[in-house]
Amino acid sequence: MNSDVQSVLSQKAKLDPAIDELVAVGASAVANCQCCVKYHVRMTKNAGTKIEKIVEAIKTAKSVRAEAASKNDKFASSLLQTEDLESESATGKCDCGCS
């Protein structure tokens, strides 16, 4: 990762706490983590965010998740038509490190 990006990522968040929690609501919803969604919705409410903004954050997250899932489904289906799958998995490991 670029050192400039690492530097920015290591800095403490400078977003307004309510905005920071809205981002967390969206990220939690996209990640399908129910306990995180519940926690961050509560924290967002505690920060004084209006319910309409929380609803918008969740709607946006659902849209992002649906589009990403759709593209991944198409990608997975396209692999079924690929003849060279064997050579790509020759190492027996996934690029994301799950295996």
PDB file of N, CA and C in Angstrom:
ATOM      1  N   MET A   1       0.839  -1.171   0.000  1.00  0.00           N
ATOM      2  CA  MET A   1       0.000   0.000   0.000  1.00  0.00           C
ATOM      3  C   MET A   1       0.890   1.243   0.000  1.00  0.00           C
ATOM      4  N   ASN A   2       0.490   2.249  -0.723  1.00  0.00           N
ATOM      5  CA  ASN A   2       1.201   3.507  -0.818  1.00  0.00           C
ATOM      6  C   ASN A   2       1.403   4.096   0.581  1.00  0.00           C
ATOM      7  N   SER A   3       2.607   4.620   0.870  1.00  0.00           N
ATOM      8  CA  SER A   3       2.884   5.164   2.204  1.00  0.00           C
ATOM      9  C   SER A   3       2.022   6.383   2.522  1.00  0.00           C
ATOM     10  N   ASP A   4       1.653   7.168   1.501  1.00  0.00           N
ATOM     11  CA  ASP A   4       0.763   8.310   1.741  1.00  0.00           C
ATOM     12  C   ASP A   4      -0.613   7.835   2.198  1.00  0.00           C
ATOM     13  N   VAL A   5      -1.101   6.782   1.559  1.00  0.00           N
ATOM     14  CA  VAL A   5      -2.398   6.228   1.937  1.00  0.00           C
ATOM     15  C   VAL A   5      -2.315   5.653   3.348  1.00  0.00           C
ATOM     16  N   GLN A   6      -1.243   4.940   3.655  1.00  0.00           N
ATOM     17  CA  GLN A   6      -1.065   4.374   4.988  1.00  0.00           C
ATOM     18  C   GLN A   6      -1.037   5.470   6.047  1.00  0.00           C
ATOM     19  N   SER A   7      -0.385   6.563   5.727  1.00  0.00           N
ATOM     20  CA  SER A   7      -0.303   7.682   6.658  1.00  0.00           C
ATOM     21  C   SER A   7      -1.683   8.252   6.960  1.00  0.00           C
ATOM     22  N   VAL A   8      -2.472   8.443   5.910  1.00  0.00           N
ATOM     23  CA  VAL A   8      -3.825   8.978   6.098  1.00  0.00           C
ATOM     24  C   VAL A   8      -4.678   7.997   6.878  1.00  0.00           C
ATOM     25  N   LEU A   9      -4.592   6.708   6.546  1.00  0.00           N
ATOM     26  CA  LEU A   9      -5.403   5.700   7.216  1.00  0.00           C
ATOM     27  C   LEU A   9      -5.047   5.547   8.690  1.00  0.00           C
ATOM     28  N   SER A  10      -3.802   5.829   9.037  1.00  0.00           N
ATOM     29  CA  SER A  10      -3.391   5.672  10.428  1.00  0.00           C
ATOM     30  C   SER A  10      -3.772   6.869  11.289  1.00  0.00           C
ATOM     31  N   GLN A  11      -4.187   7.961  10.671  1.00  0.00           N
ATOM     32  CA  GLN A  11      -4.594   9.141  11.431  1.00  0.00           C
ATOM     33  C   GLN A  11      -5.970   8.926  12.042  1.00  0.00           C
ATOM     34  N   LYS A  12      -6.194   9.574  13.153  1.00  0.00           N
ATOM     35  CA  LYS A  12      -7.500   9.494  13.807  1.00  0.00           C
ATOM     36  C   LYS A  12      -8.549  10.150  12.930  1.00  0.00           C
ATOM     37  N   ALA A  13      -9.738   9.553  12.894  1.00  0.00           N
ATOM     38  CA  ALA A  13     -10.831  10.075  12.076  1.00  0.00           C
ATOM     39  C   ALA A  13     -11.140  11.518  12.456  1.00  0.00           C
ATOM     40  N   LYS A  14     -11.382  12.342  11.433  1.00  0.00           N
ATOM     41  CA  LYS A  14     -11.688  13.742  11.665  1.00  0.00           C
ATOM     42  C   LYS A  14     -13.094  14.084  11.210  1.00  0.00           C
ATOM     43  N   LEU A  15     -13.899  13.048  10.936  1.00  0.00           N
ATOM     44  CA  LEU A  15     -15.279  13.278  10.550  1.00  0.00           C
ATOM     45  C   LEU A  15     -16.091  13.658  11.782  1.00  0.00           C
ATOM     46  N   ASP A  16     -17.154  14.366  11.545  1.00  0.00           N
ATOM     47  CA  ASP A  16     -18.126  14.616  12.594  1.00  0.00           C
ATOM     48  C   ASP A  16     -18.580  13.255  13.116  1.00  0.00           C
ATOM     49  N   PRO A  17     -18.743  13.072  14.433  1.00  0.00           N
ATOM     50  CA  PRO A  17     -19.132  11.760  14.970  1.00  0.00           C
ATOM     51  C   PRO A  17     -20.410  11.189  14.343  1.00  0.00           C
ATOM     52  N   ALA A  18     -21.390  12.034  14.044  1.00  0.00           N
ATOM     53  CA  ALA A  18     -22.631  11.546  13.431  1.00  0.00           C
ATOM     54  C   ALA A  18     -22.362  11.022  12.023  1.00  0.00           C
ATOM     55  N   ILE A  19     -21.528  11.723  11.253  1.00  0.00           N
ATOM     56  CA  ILE A  19     -21.177  11.273   9.903  1.00  0.00           C
ATOM     57  C   ILE A  19     -20.372   9.978   9.985  1.00  0.00           C
ATOM     58  N   ASP A  20     -19.450   9.929  10.907  1.00  0.00           N
ATOM     59  CA  ASP A  20     -18.634   8.730  11.097  1.00  0.00           C
ATOM     60  C   ASP A  20     -19.525   7.518  11.381  1.00  0.00           C
ATOM     61  N   GLU A  21     -20.539   7.695  12.211  1.00  0.00           N
ATOM     62  CA  GLU A  21     -21.457   6.602  12.524  1.00  0.00           C
ATOM     63  C   GLU A  21     -22.339   6.243  11.335  1.00  0.00           C
ATOM     64  N   LEU A  22     -22.738   7.228  10.528  1.00  0.00           N
ATOM     65  CA  LEU A  22     -23.509   6.916   9.318  1.00  0.00           C
ATOM     66  C   LEU A  22     -22.687   6.058   8.364  1.00  0.00           C
ATOM     67  N   VAL A  23     -21.406   6.388   8.243  1.00  0.00           N
ATOM     68  CA  VAL A  23     -20.518   5.581   7.407  1.00  0.00           C
ATOM     69  C   VAL A  23     -20.443   4.157   7.976  1.00  0.00           C
ATOM     70  N   ALA A  24     -20.349   4.058   9.285  1.00  0.00           N
ATOM     71  CA  ALA A  24     -20.272   2.746   9.930  1.00  0.00           C
ATOM     72  C   ALA A  24     -21.571   1.956   9.739  1.00  0.00           C
ATOM     73  N   VAL A  25     -22.713   2.643   9.768  1.00  0.00           N
ATOM     74  CA  VAL A  25     -23.995   1.973   9.502  1.00  0.00           C
ATOM     75  C   VAL A  25     -23.960   1.364   8.103  1.00  0.00           C
ATOM     76  N   GLY A  26     -23.552   2.160   7.120  1.00  0.00           N
ATOM     77  CA  GLY A  26     -23.496   1.678   5.742  1.00  0.00           C
ATOM     78  C   GLY A  26     -22.520   0.529   5.577  1.00  0.00           C
ATOM     79  N   ALA A  27     -21.335   0.675   6.145  1.00  0.00           N
ATOM     80  CA  ALA A  27     -20.324  -0.382   6.025  1.00  0.00           C
ATOM     81  C   ALA A  27     -20.803  -1.667   6.691  1.00  0.00           C
ATOM     82  N   SER A  28     -21.440  -1.543   7.832  1.00  0.00           N
ATOM     83  CA  SER A  28     -21.950  -2.718   8.544  1.00  0.00           C
ATOM     84  C   SER A  28     -23.045  -3.409   7.749  1.00  0.00           C
ATOM     85  N   ALA A  29     -23.906  -2.613   7.136  1.00  0.00           N
ATOM     86  CA  ALA A  29     -24.985  -3.182   6.322  1.00  0.00           C
ATOM     87  C   ALA A  29     -24.414  -3.910   5.102  1.00  0.00           C
ATOM     88  N   VAL A  30     -23.428  -3.321   4.456  1.00  0.00           N
ATOM     89  CA  VAL A  30     -22.803  -3.959   3.296  1.00  0.00           C
ATOM     90  C   VAL A  30     -22.099  -5.252   3.722  1.00  0.00           C
ATOM     91  N   ALA A  31     -21.516  -5.245   4.910  1.00  0.00           N
ATOM     92  CA  ALA A  31     -20.798  -6.422   5.404  1.00  0.00           C
ATOM     93  C   ALA A  31     -21.729  -7.497   5.959  1.00  0.00           C
ATOM     94  N   ASN A  32     -23.038  -7.206   5.982  1.00  0.00           N
ATOM     95  CA  ASN A  32     -24.030  -8.161   6.492  1.00  0.00           C
ATOM     96  C   ASN A  32     -23.805  -8.537   7.949  1.00  0.00           C
ATOM     97  N   CYS A  33     -23.367  -7.572   8.755  1.00  0.00           N
ATOM     98  CA  CYS A  33     -23.129  -7.839  10.169  1.00  0.00           C
ATOM     99  C   CYS A  33     -24.256  -7.203  10.992  1.00  0.00           C
ATOM    100  N   GLN A  34     -25.197  -8.036  11.411  1.00  0.00           N
ATOM    101  CA  GLN A  34     -26.373  -7.533  12.110  1.00  0.00           C
ATOM    102  C   GLN A  34     -26.042  -6.860  13.433  1.00  0.00           C
ATOM    103  N   CYS A  35     -25.127  -7.437  14.209  1.00  0.00           N
ATOM    104  CA  CYS A  35     -24.809  -6.816  15.497  1.00  0.00           C
ATOM    105  C   CYS A  35     -24.124  -5.466  15.290  1.00  0.00           C
ATOM    106  N   CYS A  36     -23.319  -5.333  14.244  1.00  0.00           N
ATOM    107  CA  CYS A  36     -22.677  -4.049  13.956  1.00  0.00           C
ATOM    108  C   CYS A  36     -23.699  -3.024  13.480  1.00  0.00           C
ATOM    109  N   VAL A  37     -24.640  -3.450  12.631  1.00  0.00           N
ATOM    110  CA  VAL A  37     -25.687  -2.532  12.168  1.00  0.00           C
ATOM    111  C   VAL A  37     -26.460  -2.014  13.372  1.00  0.00           C
ATOM    112  N   LYS A  38     -26.870  -2.918  14.252  1.00  0.00           N
ATOM    113  CA  LYS A  38     -27.646  -2.529  15.434  1.00  0.00           C
ATOM    114  C   LYS A  38     -26.862  -1.538  16.294  1.00  0.00           C
ATOM    115  N   TYR A  39     -25.604  -1.843  16.540  1.00  0.00           N
ATOM    116  CA  TYR A  39     -24.760  -0.973  17.360  1.00  0.00           C
ATOM    117  C   TYR A  39     -24.619   0.413  16.732  1.00  0.00           C
ATOM    118  N   HIS A  40     -24.279   0.437  15.432  1.00  0.00           N
ATOM    119  CA  HIS A  40     -24.016   1.729  14.794  1.00  0.00           C
ATOM    120  C   HIS A  40     -25.290   2.539  14.559  1.00  0.00           C
ATOM    121  N   VAL A  41     -26.426   1.873  14.359  1.00  0.00           N
ATOM    122  CA  VAL A  41     -27.685   2.620  14.280  1.00  0.00           C
ATOM    123  C   VAL A  41     -27.948   3.293  15.629  1.00  0.00           C
ATOM    124  N   ARG A  42     -27.756   2.541  16.706  1.00  0.00           N
ATOM    125  CA  ARG A  42     -27.945   3.112  18.042  1.00  0.00           C
ATOM    126  C   ARG A  42     -26.993   4.288  18.277  1.00  0.00           C
ATOM    127  N   MET A  43     -25.726   4.122  17.904  1.00  0.00           N
ATOM    128  CA  MET A  43     -24.745   5.191  18.101  1.00  0.00           C
ATOM    129  C   MET A  43     -25.077   6.416  17.241  1.00  0.00           C
ATOM    130  N   THR A  44     -25.578   6.161  16.038  1.00  0.00           N
ATOM    131  CA  THR A  44     -25.962   7.252  15.147  1.00  0.00           C
ATOM    132  C   THR A  44     -27.135   8.024  15.734  1.00  0.00           C
ATOM    133  N   LYS A  45     -28.114   7.290  16.260  1.00  0.00           N
ATOM    134  CA  LYS A  45     -29.246   7.952  16.925  1.00  0.00           C
ATOM    135  C   LYS A  45     -28.761   8.764  18.127  1.00  0.00           C
ATOM    136  N   ASN A  46     -27.854   8.174  18.907  1.00  0.00           N
ATOM    137  CA  ASN A  46     -27.312   8.867  20.077  1.00  0.00           C
ATOM    138  C   ASN A  46     -26.549  10.135  19.690  1.00  0.00           C
ATOM    139  N   ALA A  47     -26.013  10.153  18.486  1.00  0.00           N
ATOM    140  CA  ALA A  47     -25.283  11.333  18.003  1.00  0.00           C
ATOM    141  C   ALA A  47     -26.237  12.409  17.493  1.00  0.00           C
ATOM    142  N   GLY A  48     -27.535  12.115  17.528  1.00  0.00           N
ATOM    143  CA  GLY A  48     -28.531  13.102  17.141  1.00  0.00           C
ATOM    144  C   GLY A  48     -28.928  13.099  15.678  1.00  0.00           C
ATOM    145  N   THR A  49     -28.563  12.048  14.966  1.00  0.00           N
ATOM    146  CA  THR A  49     -28.898  11.966  13.547  1.00  0.00           C
ATOM    147  C   THR A  49     -30.382  11.657  13.380  1.00  0.00           C
ATOM    148  N   LYS A  50     -31.008  12.356  12.462  1.00  0.00           N
ATOM    149  CA  LYS A  50     -32.423  12.106  12.179  1.00  0.00           C
ATOM    150  C   LYS A  50     -32.585  10.745  11.512  1.00  0.00           C
ATOM    151  N   ILE A  51     -33.688  10.103  11.824  1.00  0.00           N
ATOM    152  CA  ILE A  51     -33.971   8.761  11.318  1.00  0.00           C
ATOM    153  C   ILE A  51     -33.934   8.705   9.794  1.00  0.00           C
ATOM    154  N   GLU A  52     -34.355   9.780   9.132  1.00  0.00           N
ATOM    155  CA  GLU A  52     -34.358   9.815   7.658  1.00  0.00           C
ATOM    156  C   GLU A  52     -32.949   9.648   7.095  1.00  0.00           C
ATOM    157  N   LYS A  53     -31.957  10.207   7.772  1.00  0.00           N
ATOM    158  CA  LYS A  53     -30.570  10.065   7.298  1.00  0.00           C
ATOM    159  C   LYS A  53     -30.068   8.643   7.506  1.00  0.00           C
ATOM    160  N   ILE A  54     -30.477   8.034   8.601  1.00  0.00           N
ATOM    161  CA  ILE A  54     -30.082   6.650   8.855  1.00  0.00           C
ATOM    162  C   ILE A  54     -30.704   5.735   7.805  1.00  0.00           C
ATOM    163  N   VAL A  55     -31.968   5.981   7.501  1.00  0.00           N
ATOM    164  CA  VAL A  55     -32.657   5.200   6.462  1.00  0.00           C
ATOM    165  C   VAL A  55     -31.934   5.359   5.125  1.00  0.00           C
ATOM    166  N   GLU A  56     -31.518   6.572   4.781  1.00  0.00           N
ATOM    167  CA  GLU A  56     -30.796   6.797   3.524  1.00  0.00           C
ATOM    168  C   GLU A  56     -29.466   6.060   3.506  1.00  0.00           C
ATOM    169  N   ALA A  57     -28.769   6.047   4.630  1.00  0.00           N
ATOM    170  CA  ALA A  57     -27.494   5.322   4.705  1.00  0.00           C
ATOM    171  C   ALA A  57     -27.714   3.832   4.459  1.00  0.00           C
ATOM    172  N   ILE A  58     -28.777   3.287   5.043  1.00  0.00           N
ATOM    173  CA  ILE A  58     -29.077   1.863   4.861  1.00  0.00           C
ATOM    174  C   ILE A  58     -29.502   1.584   3.415  1.00  0.00           C
ATOM    175  N   LYS A  59     -30.309   2.465   2.836  1.00  0.00           N
ATOM    176  CA  LYS A  59     -30.714   2.293   1.431  1.00  0.00           C
ATOM    177  C   LYS A  59     -29.505   2.313   0.508  1.00  0.00           C
ATOM    178  N   THR A  60     -28.599   3.245   0.753  1.00  0.00           N
ATOM    179  CA  THR A  60     -27.388   3.327  -0.076  1.00  0.00           C
ATOM    180  C   THR A  60     -26.560   2.058   0.069  1.00  0.00           C
ATOM    181  N   ALA A  61     -26.417   1.581   1.300  1.00  0.00           N
ATOM    182  CA  ALA A  61     -25.650   0.354   1.540  1.00  0.00           C
ATOM    183  C   ALA A  61     -26.278  -0.834   0.832  1.00  0.00           C
ATOM    184  N   LYS A  62     -27.603  -0.929   0.897  1.00  0.00           N
ATOM    185  CA  LYS A  62     -28.296  -2.032   0.228  1.00  0.00           C
ATOM    186  C   LYS A  62     -28.064  -1.986  -1.279  1.00  0.00           C
ATOM    187  N   SER A  63     -28.066  -0.799  -1.836  1.00  0.00           N
ATOM    188  CA  SER A  63     -27.836  -0.635  -3.268  1.00  0.00           C
ATOM    189  C   SER A  63     -26.414  -1.051  -3.645  1.00  0.00           C
ATOM    190  N   VAL A  64     -25.443  -0.622  -2.853  1.00  0.00           N
ATOM    191  CA  VAL A  64     -24.046  -0.989  -3.109  1.00  0.00           C
ATOM    192  C   VAL A  64     -23.871  -2.497  -3.001  1.00  0.00           C
ATOM    193  N   ARG A  65     -24.436  -3.078  -1.929  1.00  0.00           N
ATOM    194  CA  ARG A  65     -24.316  -4.530  -1.726  1.00  0.00           C
ATOM    195  C   ARG A  65     -24.955  -5.303  -2.869  1.00  0.00           C
ATOM    196  N   ALA A  66     -26.135  -4.863  -3.311  1.00  0.00           N
ATOM    197  CA  ALA A  66     -26.842  -5.562  -4.395  1.00  0.00           C
ATOM    198  C   ALA A  66     -26.052  -5.500  -5.697  1.00  0.00           C
ATOM    199  N   GLU A  67     -25.497  -4.339  -6.005  1.00  0.00           N
ATOM    200  CA  GLU A  67     -24.719  -4.197  -7.240  1.00  0.00           C
ATOM    201  C   GLU A  67     -23.450  -5.047  -7.181  1.00  0.00           C
ATOM    202  N   ALA A  68     -22.783  -5.025  -6.034  1.00  0.00           N
ATOM    203  CA  ALA A  68     -21.567  -5.835  -5.892  1.00  0.00           C
ATOM    204  C   ALA A  68     -21.890  -7.316  -6.004  1.00  0.00           C
ATOM    205  N   ALA A  69     -22.977  -7.746  -5.381  1.00  0.00           N
ATOM    206  CA  ALA A  69     -23.370  -9.160  -5.454  1.00  0.00           C
ATOM    207  C   ALA A  69     -23.720  -9.558  -6.882  1.00  0.00           C
ATOM    208  N   SER A  70     -24.410  -8.670  -7.589  1.00  0.00           N
ATOM    209  CA  SER A  70     -24.780  -8.952  -8.977  1.00  0.00           C
ATOM    210  C   SER A  70     -23.542  -9.118  -9.852  1.00  0.00           C
ATOM    211  N   LYS A  71     -22.586  -8.219  -9.687  1.00  0.00           N
ATOM    212  CA  LYS A  71     -21.348  -8.313 -10.476  1.00  0.00           C
ATOM    213  C   LYS A  71     -20.568  -9.566 -10.113  1.00  0.00           C
ATOM    214  N   ASN A  72     -20.550  -9.925  -8.828  1.00  0.00           N
ATOM    215  CA  ASN A  72     -19.832 -11.125  -8.424  1.00  0.00           C
ATOM    216  C   ASN A  72     -20.514 -12.378  -8.958  1.00  0.00           C
ATOM    217  N   ASP A  73     -21.851 -12.372  -8.993  1.00  0.00           N
ATOM    218  CA  ASP A  73     -22.594 -13.508  -9.557  1.00  0.00           C
ATOM    219  C   ASP A  73     -22.255 -13.686 -11.038  1.00  0.00           C
ATOM    220  N   LYS A  74     -22.210 -12.584 -11.767  1.00  0.00           N
ATOM    221  CA  LYS A  74     -21.863 -12.639 -13.198  1.00  0.00           C
ATOM    222  C   LYS A  74     -20.433 -13.141 -13.375  1.00  0.00           C
ATOM    223  N   PHE A  75     -19.531 -12.659 -12.519  1.00  0.00           N
ATOM    224  CA  PHE A  75     -18.137 -13.086 -12.582  1.00  0.00           C
ATOM    225  C   PHE A  75     -18.027 -14.584 -12.332  1.00  0.00           C
ATOM    226  N   ALA A  76     -18.712 -15.064 -11.289  1.00  0.00           N
ATOM    227  CA  ALA A  76     -18.665 -16.495 -10.963  1.00  0.00           C
ATOM    228  C   ALA A  76     -19.207 -17.325 -12.118  1.00  0.00           C
ATOM    229  N   SER A  77     -20.294 -16.868 -12.718  1.00  0.00           N
ATOM    230  CA  SER A  77     -20.865 -17.592 -13.860  1.00  0.00           C
ATOM    231  C   SER A  77     -19.908 -17.595 -15.042  1.00  0.00           C
ATOM    232  N   SER A  78     -19.198 -16.500 -15.240  1.00  0.00           N
ATOM    233  CA  SER A  78     -18.258 -16.436 -16.370  1.00  0.00           C
ATOM    234  C   SER A  78     -17.114 -17.427 -16.195  1.00  0.00           C
ATOM    235  N   LEU A  79     -16.767 -17.738 -14.953  1.00  0.00           N
ATOM    236  CA  LEU A  79     -15.687 -18.695 -14.707  1.00  0.00           C
ATOM    237  C   LEU A  79     -16.053 -20.092 -15.180  1.00  0.00           C
ATOM    238  N   LEU A  80     -17.330 -20.390 -15.223  1.00  0.00           N
ATOM    239  CA  LEU A  80     -17.773 -21.701 -15.684  1.00  0.00           C
ATOM    240  C   LEU A  80     -17.470 -21.905 -17.160  1.00  0.00           C
ATOM    241  N   GLN A  81     -17.294 -20.795 -17.867  1.00  0.00           N
ATOM    242  CA  GLN A  81     -17.005 -20.857 -19.292  1.00  0.00           C
ATOM    243  C   GLN A  81     -15.510 -20.759 -19.574  1.00  0.00           C
ATOM    244  N   THR A  82     -14.714 -20.604 -18.523  1.00  0.00           N
ATOM    245  CA  THR A  82     -13.276 -20.478 -18.671  1.00  0.00           C
ATOM    246  C   THR A  82     -12.649 -21.865 -18.676  1.00  0.00           C
ATOM    247  N   GLU A  83     -11.871 -22.146 -19.694  1.00  0.00           N
ATOM    248  CA  GLU A  83     -11.260 -23.471 -19.817  1.00  0.00           C
ATOM    249  C   GLU A  83      -9.976 -23.590 -19.012  1.00  0.00           C
ATOM    250  N   ASP A  84      -9.389 -22.457 -18.627  1.00  0.00           N
ATOM    251  CA  ASP A  84      -8.087 -22.477 -17.987  1.00  0.00           C
ATOM    252  C   ASP A  84      -8.176 -22.308 -16.462  1.00  0.00           C
ATOM    253  N   LEU A  85      -9.220 -22.804 -15.832  1.00  0.00           N
ATOM    254  CA  LEU A  85      -9.366 -22.674 -14.387  1.00  0.00           C
ATOM    255  C   LEU A  85      -8.305 -23.455 -13.626  1.00  0.00           C
ATOM    256  N   GLU A  86      -7.897 -24.565 -14.177  1.00  0.00           N
ATOM    257  CA  GLU A  86      -6.936 -25.422 -13.487  1.00  0.00           C
ATOM    258  C   GLU A  86      -5.615 -24.698 -13.236  1.00  0.00           C
ATOM    259  N   SER A  87      -5.113 -23.974 -14.223  1.00  0.00           N
ATOM    260  CA  SER A  87      -3.818 -23.316 -14.061  1.00  0.00           C
ATOM    261  C   SER A  87      -3.892 -22.160 -13.070  1.00  0.00           C
ATOM    262  N   GLU A  88      -5.065 -21.503 -12.960  1.00  0.00           N
ATOM    263  CA  GLU A  88      -5.201 -20.378 -12.036  1.00  0.00           C
ATOM    264  C   GLU A  88      -5.222 -20.839 -10.588  1.00  0.00           C
ATOM    265  N   SER A  89      -5.642 -22.059 -10.334  1.00  0.00           N
ATOM    266  CA  SER A  89      -5.708 -22.543  -8.960  1.00  0.00           C
ATOM    267  C   SER A  89      -4.608 -23.562  -8.672  1.00  0.00           C
ATOM    268  N   ALA A  90      -3.553 -23.542  -9.454  1.00  0.00           N
ATOM    269  CA  ALA A  90      -2.483 -24.525  -9.316  1.00  0.00           C
ATOM    270  C   ALA A  90      -1.790 -24.437  -7.956  1.00  0.00           C
ATOM    271  N   THR A  91      -1.766 -23.264  -7.371  1.00  0.00           N
ATOM    272  CA  THR A  91      -1.097 -23.109  -6.079  1.00  0.00           C
ATOM    273  C   THR A  91      -1.926 -23.673  -4.942  1.00  0.00           C
ATOM    274  N   GLY A  92      -3.225 -23.890  -5.177  1.00  0.00           N
ATOM    275  CA  GLY A  92      -4.100 -24.390  -4.130  1.00  0.00           C
ATOM    276  C   GLY A  92      -4.472 -23.337  -3.111  1.00  0.00           C
ATOM    277  N   LYS A  93      -4.185 -22.091  -3.419  1.00  0.00           N
ATOM    278  CA  LYS A  93      -4.491 -21.013  -2.485  1.00  0.00           C
ATOM    279  C   LYS A  93      -5.275 -19.924  -3.189  1.00  0.00           C
ATOM    280  N   CYS A  94      -6.122 -19.280  -2.438  1.00  0.00           N
ATOM    281  CA  CYS A  94      -6.913 -18.160  -2.935  1.00  0.00           C
ATOM    282  C   CYS A  94      -6.094 -16.874  -2.770  1.00  0.00           C
ATOM    283  N   ASP A  95      -6.252 -15.958  -3.708  1.00  0.00           N
ATOM    284  CA  ASP A  95      -5.514 -14.701  -3.635  1.00  0.00           C
ATOM    285  C   ASP A  95      -5.873 -13.866  -2.409  1.00  0.00           C
ATOM    286  N   CYS A  96      -7.081 -14.075  -1.850  1.00  0.00           N
ATOM    287  CA  CYS A  96      -7.474 -13.277  -0.681  1.00  0.00           C
ATOM    288  C   CYS A  96      -6.924 -13.853   0.623  1.00  0.00           C
ATOM    289  N   GLY A  97      -6.343 -15.049   0.550  1.00  0.00           N
ATOM    290  CA  GLY A  97      -5.734 -15.639   1.734  1.00  0.00           C
ATOM    291  C   GLY A  97      -6.652 -16.521   2.556  1.00  0.00           C
ATOM    292  N   CYS A  98      -7.841 -16.849   2.035  1.00  0.00           N
ATOM    293  CA  CYS A  98      -8.784 -17.649   2.814  1.00  0.00           C
ATOM    294  C   CYS A  98      -8.411 -19.121   2.853  1.00  0.00           C
ATOM    295  N   SER A  99      -7.504 -19.541   1.986  1.00  0.00           N
ATOM    296  CA  SER A  99      -7.130 -20.964   1.998  1.00  0.00           C
ATOM    297  C   SER A  99      -5.629 -21.119   2.102  1.00  0.00           C
TER     298      SER A  99
END
